[in-house]
Amino acid sequence: MKTRGGVILCCVLGAMACGKVKSVVVKAATDARQKIAGSVGTSKSAVAPAIAVDVELQKLVDQTAEGAIFRKDLPFPTRLDVRATERSELSGRFSQTSPLGRQAAAAKGTRTKITHFERAGDQVRYTLEKSDLELPPPATSEAVKQAPPALAEPPLPPPVTFRKTGKSWGADHRADFHAVALAQELAPAFDQLLIENALAPRPLWFAKHRFRIGDELVVSGKLLPMLLLGNATGSLTLKLESFEPVEGHPCGVFAVTGDYRRHQVPDLTGSLSDEDVTIQTGKLWLSLIYPVIIQQELDTIQSVQAGGHDGTVIRSQGACKVFLTRAWKRLEP
């Protein structure tokens, strides 16, 4: 059974009347082209073999026999095309509280989401290309009879174009009511969303230190914006394992473990989430030439509470295997 993003938890919880329910699992992803199988916890990486590095990007890498520098000195591109493919394998308990009442259920499923961003200076176009949840079929014929009827899949929202005027972001002047309303919700956090989605450089990155295979780094306190924006606390331990490209983009691959908490984290639906996450095992692919995260695989335990302006609050707690990859392309000026 599949349903698109706006009703992911409606299907899980049977909330037939909630049209604005948001997913409560954060940043879960994979590239559909990579056909990920298995879990992060296995001995082999869940990501398909890396493709060849982009020759022009490789020229920008600062790497010697003493190691590589994760650069932050290059001018960040003003024109970008970024397609992010996300996948999460989730298993846990979910509850929804709204003006219509409260519902709760245990659920297991796989969520897939594809987003496309096009940036040209102070203009950003956002397209949600896919968002659905696949649930396992009922185990018995009796369970099939008792299962609630499948909900009709709503159409994906149209692309939204945001434009910056002065220091604030708003909807393009040709936008419809949906885009204008969304832009108003996102405006206070839009610069943060650009960073989170690799459309702007992270405010803090590595120092001018050459990293070699096996080097470790603890990211905590004032260093957390390297990996986590917003009101974050916690500690993550990174260990450099290899150098390899993602979609041609040269990266350093770090093993990662640790815990973190964040409050009032925005997403592109206008929802705000409180997150408590333990990364049991995982990997991060960090760009060698710009302060951006290109790919991640995480095996996590999460507790999340998410809500929007409609009064609906969704809580989830459980395991989530997270996969995310970005096809990150500079465009000519």
C-alpha atoms as a PDB file:
ATOM      1  CA  MET A   1       0.000   0.000   0.000  1.00  0.00           C
ATOM      2  CA  LYS A   2       1.435   3.377  -0.981  1.00  0.00           C
ATOM      3  CA  THR A   3       0.426   6.904  -0.068  1.00  0.00           C
ATOM      4  CA  ARG A   4       2.015  10.274  -0.761  1.00  0.00           C
ATOM      5  CA  GLY A   5       3.693  12.512   1.826  1.00  0.00           C
ATOM      6  CA  GLY A   6       0.728  14.640   2.882  1.00  0.00           C
ATOM      7  CA  VAL A   7      -1.094  11.589   4.260  1.00  0.00           C
ATOM      8  CA  ILE A   8       1.775   9.355   5.362  1.00  0.00           C
ATOM      9  CA  LEU A   9       0.644   9.143   8.951  1.00  0.00           C
ATOM     10  CA  CYS A  10      -3.036   9.351   8.030  1.00  0.00           C
ATOM     11  CA  CYS A  11      -2.598   5.859   6.613  1.00  0.00           C
ATOM     12  CA  VAL A  12      -0.593   4.720   9.612  1.00  0.00           C
ATOM     13  CA  LEU A  13      -3.018   6.128  12.137  1.00  0.00           C
ATOM     14  CA  GLY A  14      -6.264   5.990  10.157  1.00  0.00           C
ATOM     15  CA  ALA A  15      -6.731   9.753  10.472  1.00  0.00           C
ATOM     16  CA  MET A  16      -9.135  10.117   7.570  1.00  0.00           C
ATOM     17  CA  ALA A  17      -9.850  13.822   8.023  1.00  0.00           C
ATOM     18  CA  CYS A  18      -6.351  15.218   8.445  1.00  0.00           C
ATOM     19  CA  GLY A  19      -5.175  16.746   5.173  1.00  0.00           C
ATOM     20  CA  LYS A  20      -2.038  18.390   6.507  1.00  0.00           C
ATOM     21  CA  VAL A  21      -0.323  15.628   8.466  1.00  0.00           C
ATOM     22  CA  LYS A  22       3.452  15.819   8.189  1.00  0.00           C
ATOM     23  CA  SER A  23       6.027  13.039   8.216  1.00  0.00           C
ATOM     24  CA  VAL A  24       7.776  12.814  11.582  1.00  0.00           C
ATOM     25  CA  VAL A  25      10.884  11.024  10.456  1.00  0.00           C
ATOM     26  CA  VAL A  26      13.771  13.399   9.739  1.00  0.00           C
ATOM     27  CA  LYS A  27      16.106  13.379   6.804  1.00  0.00           C
ATOM     28  CA  ALA A  28      15.665   9.765   5.557  1.00  0.00           C
ATOM     29  CA  ALA A  29      16.955   8.997   2.107  1.00  0.00           C
ATOM     30  CA  THR A  30      18.566   7.183  -0.808  1.00  0.00           C
ATOM     31  CA  ASP A  31      18.987   7.597  -4.536  1.00  0.00           C
ATOM     32  CA  ALA A  32      16.425   5.421  -6.315  1.00  0.00           C
ATOM     33  CA  ARG A  33      19.061   4.736  -8.929  1.00  0.00           C
ATOM     34  CA  GLN A  34      21.235   3.063  -6.338  1.00  0.00           C
ATOM     35  CA  LYS A  35      18.601   0.415  -5.460  1.00  0.00           C
ATOM     36  CA  ILE A  36      19.625   0.140  -1.838  1.00  0.00           C
ATOM     37  CA  ALA A  37      19.103  -3.263  -0.272  1.00  0.00           C
ATOM     38  CA  GLY A  38      19.767  -4.436   3.236  1.00  0.00           C
ATOM     39  CA  SER A  39      20.541  -2.239   6.211  1.00  0.00           C
ATOM     40  CA  VAL A  40      23.243   0.133   7.355  1.00  0.00           C
ATOM     41  CA  GLY A  41      24.207  -2.268  10.072  1.00  0.00           C
ATOM     42  CA  THR A  42      25.515  -4.905   7.640  1.00  0.00           C
ATOM     43  CA  SER A  43      29.195  -5.289   6.901  1.00  0.00           C
ATOM     44  CA  LYS A  44      28.863  -3.857   3.381  1.00  0.00           C
ATOM     45  CA  SER A  45      27.799  -0.336   2.525  1.00  0.00           C
ATOM     46  CA  ALA A  46      24.175   0.019   1.415  1.00  0.00           C
ATOM     47  CA  VAL A  47      25.222   2.426  -1.316  1.00  0.00           C
ATOM     48  CA  ALA A  48      26.025   1.194  -4.825  1.00  0.00           C
ATOM     49  CA  PRO A  49      29.619   1.483  -6.068  1.00  0.00           C
ATOM     50  CA  ALA A  50      30.714   5.080  -6.587  1.00  0.00           C
ATOM     51  CA  ILE A  51      30.791   6.527 -10.077  1.00  0.00           C
ATOM     52  CA  ALA A  52      33.762   8.338 -11.574  1.00  0.00           C
ATOM     53  CA  VAL A  53      34.725  11.699 -10.125  1.00  0.00           C
ATOM     54  CA  ASP A  54      33.938  14.876 -12.042  1.00  0.00           C
ATOM     55  CA  VAL A  55      37.237  15.996 -13.552  1.00  0.00           C
ATOM     56  CA  GLU A  56      36.573  19.717 -13.113  1.00  0.00           C
ATOM     57  CA  LEU A  57      35.576  19.285  -9.463  1.00  0.00           C
ATOM     58  CA  GLN A  58      38.564  17.039  -8.785  1.00  0.00           C
ATOM     59  CA  LYS A  59      40.858  19.877  -9.909  1.00  0.00           C
ATOM     60  CA  LEU A  60      39.602  21.857  -6.898  1.00  0.00           C
ATOM     61  CA  VAL A  61      40.553  19.178  -4.358  1.00  0.00           C
ATOM     62  CA  ASP A  62      43.508  20.022  -2.101  1.00  0.00           C
ATOM     63  CA  GLN A  63      45.002  16.610  -1.342  1.00  0.00           C
ATOM     64  CA  THR A  64      48.615  15.533  -0.842  1.00  0.00           C
ATOM     65  CA  ALA A  65      50.431  12.576   0.666  1.00  0.00           C
ATOM     66  CA  GLU A  66      49.899  14.250   4.059  1.00  0.00           C
ATOM     67  CA  GLY A  67      46.111  14.198   3.656  1.00  0.00           C
ATOM     68  CA  ALA A  68      43.240  16.304   2.338  1.00  0.00           C
ATOM     69  CA  ILE A  69      41.849  19.683   3.359  1.00  0.00           C
ATOM     70  CA  PHE A  70      38.055  20.030   3.476  1.00  0.00           C
ATOM     71  CA  ARG A  71      37.940  23.378   1.715  1.00  0.00           C
ATOM     72  CA  LYS A  72      35.767  26.342   2.671  1.00  0.00           C
ATOM     73  CA  ASP A  73      37.746  29.086   0.921  1.00  0.00           C
ATOM     74  CA  LEU A  74      36.239  28.811  -2.571  1.00  0.00           C
ATOM     75  CA  PRO A  75      33.419  31.174  -3.612  1.00  0.00           C
ATOM     76  CA  PHE A  76      30.186  29.242  -3.186  1.00  0.00           C
ATOM     77  CA  PRO A  77      28.301  28.753  -6.479  1.00  0.00           C
ATOM     78  CA  THR A  78      25.351  31.090  -7.025  1.00  0.00           C
ATOM     79  CA  ARG A  79      23.658  28.763  -9.541  1.00  0.00           C
ATOM     80  CA  LEU A  80      22.896  25.208  -8.432  1.00  0.00           C
ATOM     81  CA  ASP A  81      20.751  22.222  -9.359  1.00  0.00           C
ATOM     82  CA  VAL A  82      20.274  19.803  -6.430  1.00  0.00           C
ATOM     83  CA  ARG A  83      18.087  16.714  -6.536  1.00  0.00           C
ATOM     84  CA  ALA A  84      17.826  14.895  -3.201  1.00  0.00           C
ATOM     85  CA  THR A  85      16.516  11.341  -3.024  1.00  0.00           C
ATOM     86  CA  GLU A  86      15.510  10.205   0.439  1.00  0.00           C
ATOM     87  CA  ARG A  87      14.506   6.888   1.909  1.00  0.00           C
ATOM     88  CA  SER A  88      13.683   5.848   5.444  1.00  0.00           C
ATOM     89  CA  GLU A  89      12.924   2.418   6.818  1.00  0.00           C
ATOM     90  CA  LEU A  90      10.949   3.088   9.990  1.00  0.00           C
ATOM     91  CA  SER A  91       9.515   0.944  12.734  1.00  0.00           C
ATOM     92  CA  GLY A  92       7.916   2.339  15.868  1.00  0.00           C
ATOM     93  CA  ARG A  93       4.889   3.886  17.512  1.00  0.00           C
ATOM     94  CA  PHE A  94       3.101   6.977  16.288  1.00  0.00           C
ATOM     95  CA  SER A  95       0.399   9.182  17.754  1.00  0.00           C
ATOM     96  CA  GLN A  96      -1.512  12.131  16.369  1.00  0.00           C
ATOM     97  CA  THR A  97      -3.366  14.776  18.339  1.00  0.00           C
ATOM     98  CA  SER A  98      -5.576  17.245  16.489  1.00  0.00           C
ATOM     99  CA  PRO A  99      -8.821  19.171  16.981  1.00  0.00           C
ATOM    100  CA  LEU A 100     -10.523  15.935  15.861  1.00  0.00           C
ATOM    101  CA  GLY A 101      -9.073  13.897  18.737  1.00  0.00           C
ATOM    102  CA  ARG A 102      -6.152  11.560  19.357  1.00  0.00           C
ATOM    103  CA  GLN A 103      -5.111   8.362  17.593  1.00  0.00           C
ATOM    104  CA  ALA A 104      -2.147   6.044  18.104  1.00  0.00           C
ATOM    105  CA  ALA A 105      -0.712   2.968  16.405  1.00  0.00           C
ATOM    106  CA  ALA A 106       2.406   0.913  15.844  1.00  0.00           C
ATOM    107  CA  ALA A 107       3.699   1.026  12.295  1.00  0.00           C
ATOM    108  CA  LYS A 108       6.432  -0.240  10.029  1.00  0.00           C
ATOM    109  CA  GLY A 109       7.101   0.946   6.514  1.00  0.00           C
ATOM    110  CA  THR A 110       9.423   2.554   3.990  1.00  0.00           C
ATOM    111  CA  ARG A 111       9.140   6.213   3.057  1.00  0.00           C
ATOM    112  CA  THR A 112      10.593   7.570  -0.204  1.00  0.00           C
ATOM    113  CA  LYS A 113      10.886  11.228  -1.117  1.00  0.00           C
ATOM    114  CA  ILE A 114      12.508  13.048  -4.029  1.00  0.00           C
ATOM    115  CA  THR A 115      12.963  16.830  -3.960  1.00  0.00           C
ATOM    116  CA  HIS A 116      14.445  19.072  -6.634  1.00  0.00           C
ATOM    117  CA  PHE A 117      15.957  22.515  -6.009  1.00  0.00           C
ATOM    118  CA  GLU A 118      17.101  25.017  -8.597  1.00  0.00           C
ATOM    119  CA  ARG A 119      18.905  28.108  -7.330  1.00  0.00           C
ATOM    120  CA  ALA A 120      19.893  31.163  -9.341  1.00  0.00           C
ATOM    121  CA  GLY A 121      21.178  33.779  -6.912  1.00  0.00           C
ATOM    122  CA  ASP A 122      18.238  35.180  -4.952  1.00  0.00           C
ATOM    123  CA  GLN A 123      15.698  32.895  -6.598  1.00  0.00           C
ATOM    124  CA  VAL A 124      15.014  29.298  -5.551  1.00  0.00           C
ATOM    125  CA  ARG A 125      12.568  26.896  -7.189  1.00  0.00           C
ATOM    126  CA  TYR A 126      11.438  23.920  -5.095  1.00  0.00           C
ATOM    127  CA  THR A 127       9.674  20.869  -6.544  1.00  0.00           C
ATOM    128  CA  LEU A 128       8.455  17.845  -4.590  1.00  0.00           C
ATOM    129  CA  GLU A 129       8.738  15.128  -7.235  1.00  0.00           C
ATOM    130  CA  LYS A 130       7.786  12.123  -5.111  1.00  0.00           C
ATOM    131  CA  SER A 131       6.622  11.431  -1.575  1.00  0.00           C
ATOM    132  CA  ASP A 132       5.044   8.159  -0.538  1.00  0.00           C
ATOM    133  CA  LEU A 133       4.971   5.505   2.136  1.00  0.00           C
ATOM    134  CA  GLU A 134       4.983   1.788   1.408  1.00  0.00           C
ATOM    135  CA  LEU A 135       3.541  -0.410   4.147  1.00  0.00           C
ATOM    136  CA  PRO A 136       4.002  -4.198   4.312  1.00  0.00           C
ATOM    137  CA  PRO A 137       0.908  -6.200   3.339  1.00  0.00           C
ATOM    138  CA  PRO A 138      -1.277  -7.667   6.129  1.00  0.00           C
ATOM    139  CA  ALA A 139       0.062 -11.017   7.326  1.00  0.00           C
ATOM    140  CA  THR A 140      -3.284 -12.886   7.267  1.00  0.00           C
ATOM    141  CA  SER A 141      -6.554 -12.828   5.369  1.00  0.00           C
ATOM    142  CA  GLU A 142      -8.305 -11.763   8.582  1.00  0.00           C
ATOM    143  CA  ALA A 143      -5.952  -8.793   8.884  1.00  0.00           C
ATOM    144  CA  VAL A 144      -6.825  -7.853   5.312  1.00  0.00           C
ATOM    145  CA  LYS A 145     -10.526  -7.772   6.225  1.00  0.00           C
ATOM    146  CA  GLN A 146      -9.855  -5.602   9.272  1.00  0.00           C
ATOM    147  CA  ALA A 147      -7.507  -3.178   7.519  1.00  0.00           C
ATOM    148  CA  PRO A 148      -8.959   0.298   6.902  1.00  0.00           C
ATOM    149  CA  PRO A 149      -9.691   1.225   3.279  1.00  0.00           C
ATOM    150  CA  ALA A 150      -6.806   2.789   1.385  1.00  0.00           C
ATOM    151  CA  LEU A 151      -6.913   6.551   1.055  1.00  0.00           C
ATOM    152  CA  ALA A 152      -6.904   8.190  -2.349  1.00  0.00           C
ATOM    153  CA  GLU A 153      -3.520   9.628  -3.248  1.00  0.00           C
ATOM    154  CA  PRO A 154      -3.648  13.425  -3.425  1.00  0.00           C
ATOM    155  CA  PRO A 155      -1.730  15.118  -6.218  1.00  0.00           C
ATOM    156  CA  LEU A 156       1.744  16.392  -5.468  1.00  0.00           C
ATOM    157  CA  PRO A 157       1.854  20.152  -4.868  1.00  0.00           C
ATOM    158  CA  PRO A 158       2.993  22.371  -7.746  1.00  0.00           C
ATOM    159  CA  PRO A 159       6.547  23.758  -7.775  1.00  0.00           C
ATOM    160  CA  VAL A 160       7.099  26.814  -5.583  1.00  0.00           C
ATOM    161  CA  THR A 161       9.468  29.666  -6.452  1.00  0.00           C
ATOM    162  CA  PHE A 162      10.941  31.784  -3.656  1.00  0.00           C
ATOM    163  CA  ARG A 163      12.606  35.139  -4.190  1.00  0.00           C
ATOM    164  CA  LYS A 164      14.770  37.173  -1.818  1.00  0.00           C
ATOM    165  CA  THR A 165      14.041  40.872  -1.433  1.00  0.00           C
ATOM    166  CA  GLY A 166      16.459  42.679   0.841  1.00  0.00           C
ATOM    167  CA  LYS A 167      17.089  40.278   3.725  1.00  0.00           C
ATOM    168  CA  SER A 168      13.822  38.337   3.583  1.00  0.00           C
ATOM    169  CA  TRP A 169      12.473  35.542   1.386  1.00  0.00           C
ATOM    170  CA  GLY A 170       8.970  35.463  -0.058  1.00  0.00           C
ATOM    171  CA  ALA A 171       6.971  33.850  -2.846  1.00  0.00           C
ATOM    172  CA  ASP A 172       7.516  34.893  -6.438  1.00  0.00           C
ATOM    173  CA  HIS A 173       5.036  37.613  -7.509  1.00  0.00           C
ATOM    174  CA  ARG A 174       3.369  35.144  -9.893  1.00  0.00           C
ATOM    175  CA  ALA A 175       2.784  32.578  -7.146  1.00  0.00           C
ATOM    176  CA  ASP A 176      -0.599  31.088  -6.278  1.00  0.00           C
ATOM    177  CA  PHE A 177      -2.219  31.121  -2.838  1.00  0.00           C
ATOM    178  CA  HIS A 178      -0.515  27.838  -1.813  1.00  0.00           C
ATOM    179  CA  ALA A 179       2.939  29.221  -2.572  1.00  0.00           C
ATOM    180  CA  VAL A 180       2.280  32.546  -0.856  1.00  0.00           C
ATOM    181  CA  ALA A 181       1.026  30.832   2.311  1.00  0.00           C
ATOM    182  CA  LEU A 182       3.972  28.417   2.365  1.00  0.00           C
ATOM    183  CA  ALA A 183       6.464  31.247   1.809  1.00  0.00           C
ATOM    184  CA  GLN A 184       5.037  33.131   4.781  1.00  0.00           C
ATOM    185  CA  GLU A 185       5.496  30.073   7.002  1.00  0.00           C
ATOM    186  CA  LEU A 186       9.029  29.385   5.790  1.00  0.00           C
ATOM    187  CA  ALA A 187      10.359  32.946   5.587  1.00  0.00           C
ATOM    188  CA  PRO A 188      11.869  33.100   9.119  1.00  0.00           C
ATOM    189  CA  ALA A 189      13.793  29.849   8.579  1.00  0.00           C
ATOM    190  CA  PHE A 190      14.422  29.870   4.839  1.00  0.00           C
ATOM    191  CA  ASP A 191      18.135  30.679   5.071  1.00  0.00           C
ATOM    192  CA  GLN A 192      18.544  27.716   7.429  1.00  0.00           C
ATOM    193  CA  LEU A 193      16.622  25.471   5.021  1.00  0.00           C
ATOM    194  CA  LEU A 194      18.954  26.485   2.199  1.00  0.00           C
ATOM    195  CA  ILE A 195      21.948  25.375   4.267  1.00  0.00           C
ATOM    196  CA  GLU A 196      20.294  22.109   5.302  1.00  0.00           C
ATOM    197  CA  ASN A 197      19.548  21.305   1.650  1.00  0.00           C
ATOM    198  CA  ALA A 198      23.085  22.123   0.398  1.00  0.00           C
ATOM    199  CA  LEU A 199      21.980  25.287  -1.433  1.00  0.00           C
ATOM    200  CA  ALA A 200      24.148  27.479   0.798  1.00  0.00           C
ATOM    201  CA  PRO A 201      27.435  26.790   2.643  1.00  0.00           C
ATOM    202  CA  ARG A 202      27.442  25.647   6.252  1.00  0.00           C
ATOM    203  CA  PRO A 203      28.484  28.477   8.587  1.00  0.00           C
ATOM    204  CA  LEU A 204      31.152  26.321  10.231  1.00  0.00           C
ATOM    205  CA  TRP A 205      33.396  23.757   8.544  1.00  0.00           C
ATOM    206  CA  PHE A 206      36.778  22.126   9.040  1.00  0.00           C
ATOM    207  CA  ALA A 207      39.884  24.093   9.940  1.00  0.00           C
ATOM    208  CA  LYS A 208      42.913  24.117   7.633  1.00  0.00           C
ATOM    209  CA  HIS A 209      44.032  20.727   8.863  1.00  0.00           C
ATOM    210  CA  ARG A 210      44.901  17.859   6.535  1.00  0.00           C
ATOM    211  CA  PHE A 211      42.893  14.742   7.280  1.00  0.00           C
ATOM    212  CA  ARG A 212      44.230  11.280   6.624  1.00  0.00           C
ATOM    213  CA  ILE A 213      42.448   7.937   6.710  1.00  0.00           C
ATOM    214  CA  GLY A 214      41.849   6.987  10.338  1.00  0.00           C
ATOM    215  CA  ASP A 215      41.781  10.532  11.732  1.00  0.00           C
ATOM    216  CA  GLU A 216      38.988  11.214  14.243  1.00  0.00           C
ATOM    217  CA  LEU A 217      37.062  14.343  15.187  1.00  0.00           C
ATOM    218  CA  VAL A 218      34.526  14.917  17.979  1.00  0.00           C
ATOM    219  CA  VAL A 219      31.821  17.372  16.914  1.00  0.00           C
ATOM    220  CA  SER A 220      30.111  18.951  19.911  1.00  0.00           C
ATOM    221  CA  GLY A 221      29.322  22.320  21.464  1.00  0.00           C
ATOM    222  CA  LYS A 222      30.279  25.188  19.158  1.00  0.00           C
ATOM    223  CA  LEU A 223      31.294  22.750  16.411  1.00  0.00           C
ATOM    224  CA  LEU A 224      27.796  21.272  15.970  1.00  0.00           C
ATOM    225  CA  PRO A 225      26.759  23.684  13.150  1.00  0.00           C
ATOM    226  CA  MET A 226      29.182  21.728  10.966  1.00  0.00           C
ATOM    227  CA  LEU A 227      26.547  19.001  10.864  1.00  0.00           C
ATOM    228  CA  LEU A 228      23.445  20.269  12.690  1.00  0.00           C
ATOM    229  CA  LEU A 229      21.806  23.673  12.534  1.00  0.00           C
ATOM    230  CA  GLY A 230      19.286  25.129  14.936  1.00  0.00           C
ATOM    231  CA  ASN A 231      19.212  24.790  18.698  1.00  0.00           C
ATOM    232  CA  ALA A 232      21.329  21.614  18.815  1.00  0.00           C
ATOM    233  CA  THR A 233      23.086  19.906  21.702  1.00  0.00           C
ATOM    234  CA  GLY A 234      24.949  16.618  21.826  1.00  0.00           C
ATOM    235  CA  SER A 235      28.126  15.001  20.553  1.00  0.00           C
ATOM    236  CA  LEU A 236      29.022  13.138  17.349  1.00  0.00           C
ATOM    237  CA  THR A 237      32.255  11.230  16.738  1.00  0.00           C
ATOM    238  CA  LEU A 238      33.608  11.151  13.172  1.00  0.00           C
ATOM    239  CA  LYS A 239      36.334   8.886  11.780  1.00  0.00           C
ATOM    240  CA  LEU A 240      37.616   9.328   8.243  1.00  0.00           C
ATOM    241  CA  GLU A 241      37.377   6.007   6.376  1.00  0.00           C
ATOM    242  CA  SER A 242      37.978   6.811   2.700  1.00  0.00           C
ATOM    243  CA  PHE A 243      37.771   9.315  -0.140  1.00  0.00           C
ATOM    244  CA  GLU A 244      35.213   8.704  -2.883  1.00  0.00           C
ATOM    245  CA  PRO A 245      32.840  10.670  -5.127  1.00  0.00           C
ATOM    246  CA  VAL A 246      29.055  10.834  -4.990  1.00  0.00           C
ATOM    247  CA  GLU A 247      27.460  11.611  -8.347  1.00  0.00           C
ATOM    248  CA  GLY A 248      30.925  12.740  -9.406  1.00  0.00           C
ATOM    249  CA  HIS A 249      31.388  15.045  -6.401  1.00  0.00           C
ATOM    250  CA  PRO A 250      34.663  14.348  -4.474  1.00  0.00           C
ATOM    251  CA  CYS A 251      33.979  13.580  -0.802  1.00  0.00           C
ATOM    252  CA  GLY A 252      35.544  12.309   2.386  1.00  0.00           C
ATOM    253  CA  VAL A 253      33.615   9.395   3.922  1.00  0.00           C
ATOM    254  CA  PHE A 254      33.303   9.478   7.721  1.00  0.00           C
ATOM    255  CA  ALA A 255      31.917   6.845  10.062  1.00  0.00           C
ATOM    256  CA  VAL A 256      29.662   8.555  12.613  1.00  0.00           C
ATOM    257  CA  THR A 257      28.115   7.677  15.981  1.00  0.00           C
ATOM    258  CA  GLY A 258      26.610   9.768  18.759  1.00  0.00           C
ATOM    259  CA  ASP A 259      23.527  11.522  20.118  1.00  0.00           C
ATOM    260  CA  TYR A 260      21.916  14.903  19.587  1.00  0.00           C
ATOM    261  CA  ARG A 261      18.822  16.922  20.384  1.00  0.00           C
ATOM    262  CA  ARG A 262      17.287  19.791  18.436  1.00  0.00           C
ATOM    263  CA  HIS A 263      14.270  22.015  19.034  1.00  0.00           C
ATOM    264  CA  GLN A 264      11.907  23.733  16.602  1.00  0.00           C
ATOM    265  CA  VAL A 265      13.603  22.362  13.477  1.00  0.00           C
ATOM    266  CA  PRO A 266      11.831  23.645  10.322  1.00  0.00           C
ATOM    267  CA  ASP A 267      11.079  21.658   7.202  1.00  0.00           C
ATOM    268  CA  LEU A 268       9.778  22.601   3.759  1.00  0.00           C
ATOM    269  CA  THR A 269       6.155  21.895   4.701  1.00  0.00           C
ATOM    270  CA  GLY A 270       6.120  24.594   7.382  1.00  0.00           C
ATOM    271  CA  SER A 271       6.197  22.053  10.216  1.00  0.00           C
ATOM    272  CA  LEU A 272       8.476  22.435  13.263  1.00  0.00           C
ATOM    273  CA  SER A 273       9.975  19.406  15.025  1.00  0.00           C
ATOM    274  CA  ASP A 274      11.692  18.565  18.296  1.00  0.00           C
ATOM    275  CA  GLU A 275      14.178  15.720  17.788  1.00  0.00           C
ATOM    276  CA  ASP A 276      16.035  13.362  20.112  1.00  0.00           C
ATOM    277  CA  VAL A 277      18.259  11.093  18.014  1.00  0.00           C
ATOM    278  CA  THR A 278      20.827   8.395  18.720  1.00  0.00           C
ATOM    279  CA  ILE A 279      23.029   7.409  15.762  1.00  0.00           C
ATOM    280  CA  GLN A 280      24.025   3.807  16.414  1.00  0.00           C
ATOM    281  CA  THR A 281      26.096   3.465  13.241  1.00  0.00           C
ATOM    282  CA  GLY A 282      26.358   5.535  10.112  1.00  0.00           C
ATOM    283  CA  LYS A 283      28.365   7.242   7.403  1.00  0.00           C
ATOM    284  CA  LEU A 284      28.579  10.803   6.125  1.00  0.00           C
ATOM    285  CA  TRP A 285      29.922  11.875   2.735  1.00  0.00           C
ATOM    286  CA  LEU A 286      31.270  15.423   3.214  1.00  0.00           C
ATOM    287  CA  SER A 287      32.366  17.529   0.244  1.00  0.00           C
ATOM    288  CA  LEU A 288      36.083  18.146  -0.136  1.00  0.00           C
ATOM    289  CA  ILE A 289      35.566  21.459  -1.941  1.00  0.00           C
ATOM    290  CA  TYR A 290      32.516  23.176  -0.403  1.00  0.00           C
ATOM    291  CA  PRO A 291      30.956  23.141   3.100  1.00  0.00           C
ATOM    292  CA  VAL A 292      28.048  20.830   2.217  1.00  0.00           C
ATOM    293  CA  ILE A 293      26.889  17.312   3.094  1.00  0.00           C
ATOM    294  CA  ILE A 294      26.377  15.234  -0.059  1.00  0.00           C
ATOM    295  CA  GLN A 295      25.225  11.872   1.290  1.00  0.00           C
ATOM    296  CA  GLN A 296      24.434  10.055   4.517  1.00  0.00           C
ATOM    297  CA  GLU A 297      23.517   6.582   5.791  1.00  0.00           C
ATOM    298  CA  LEU A 298      22.371   6.386   9.406  1.00  0.00           C
ATOM    299  CA  ASP A 299      20.968   3.660  11.647  1.00  0.00           C
ATOM    300  CA  THR A 300      19.124   5.609  14.349  1.00  0.00           C
ATOM    301  CA  ILE A 301      16.740   5.506  17.270  1.00  0.00           C
ATOM    302  CA  GLN A 302      14.533   8.603  17.199  1.00  0.00           C
ATOM    303  CA  SER A 303      11.945  10.367  19.282  1.00  0.00           C
ATOM    304  CA  VAL A 304      10.282  13.179  17.345  1.00  0.00           C
ATOM    305  CA  GLN A 305       7.422  15.574  17.953  1.00  0.00           C
ATOM    306  CA  ALA A 306       6.233  17.608  14.978  1.00  0.00           C
ATOM    307  CA  GLY A 307       3.499  20.182  14.539  1.00  0.00           C
ATOM    308  CA  GLY A 308       2.254  22.923  12.263  1.00  0.00           C
ATOM    309  CA  HIS A 309      -0.057  25.892  12.452  1.00  0.00           C
ATOM    310  CA  ASP A 310      -3.217  23.761  12.048  1.00  0.00           C
ATOM    311  CA  GLY A 311      -2.998  22.478  15.636  1.00  0.00           C
ATOM    312  CA  THR A 312      -2.014  18.935  14.672  1.00  0.00           C
ATOM    313  CA  VAL A 313       0.815  17.401  16.730  1.00  0.00           C
ATOM    314  CA  ILE A 314       2.431  14.106  15.736  1.00  0.00           C
ATOM    315  CA  ARG A 315       4.747  12.086  17.958  1.00  0.00           C
ATOM    316  CA  SER A 316       6.884   9.134  16.924  1.00  0.00           C
ATOM    317  CA  GLN A 317       9.372   6.891  18.681  1.00  0.00           C
ATOM    318  CA  GLY A 318      11.317   3.993  17.251  1.00  0.00           C
ATOM    319  CA  ALA A 319      14.021   2.830  14.871  1.00  0.00           C
ATOM    320  CA  CYS A 320      14.745   4.548  11.588  1.00  0.00           C
ATOM    321  CA  LYS A 321      17.341   3.581   8.992  1.00  0.00           C
ATOM    322  CA  VAL A 322      18.155   6.742   7.097  1.00  0.00           C
ATOM    323  CA  PHE A 323      19.509   7.082   3.551  1.00  0.00           C
ATOM    324  CA  LEU A 324      20.088  10.383   1.738  1.00  0.00           C
ATOM    325  CA  THR A 325      21.956  11.275  -1.431  1.00  0.00           C
ATOM    326  CA  ARG A 326      22.182  14.492  -3.426  1.00  0.00           C
ATOM    327  CA  ALA A 327      22.950  14.951  -7.106  1.00  0.00           C
ATOM    328  CA  TRP A 328      24.657  18.320  -6.568  1.00  0.00           C
ATOM    329  CA  LYS A 329      25.518  20.275  -9.716  1.00  0.00           C
ATOM    330  CA  ARG A 330      27.062  23.684 -10.247  1.00  0.00           C
ATOM    331  CA  LEU A 331      25.579  25.567 -13.181  1.00  0.00           C
ATOM    332  CA  GLU A 332      27.327  28.064 -15.389  1.00  0.00           C
ATOM    333  CA  PRO A 333      26.680  31.745 -14.496  1.00  0.00           C
END
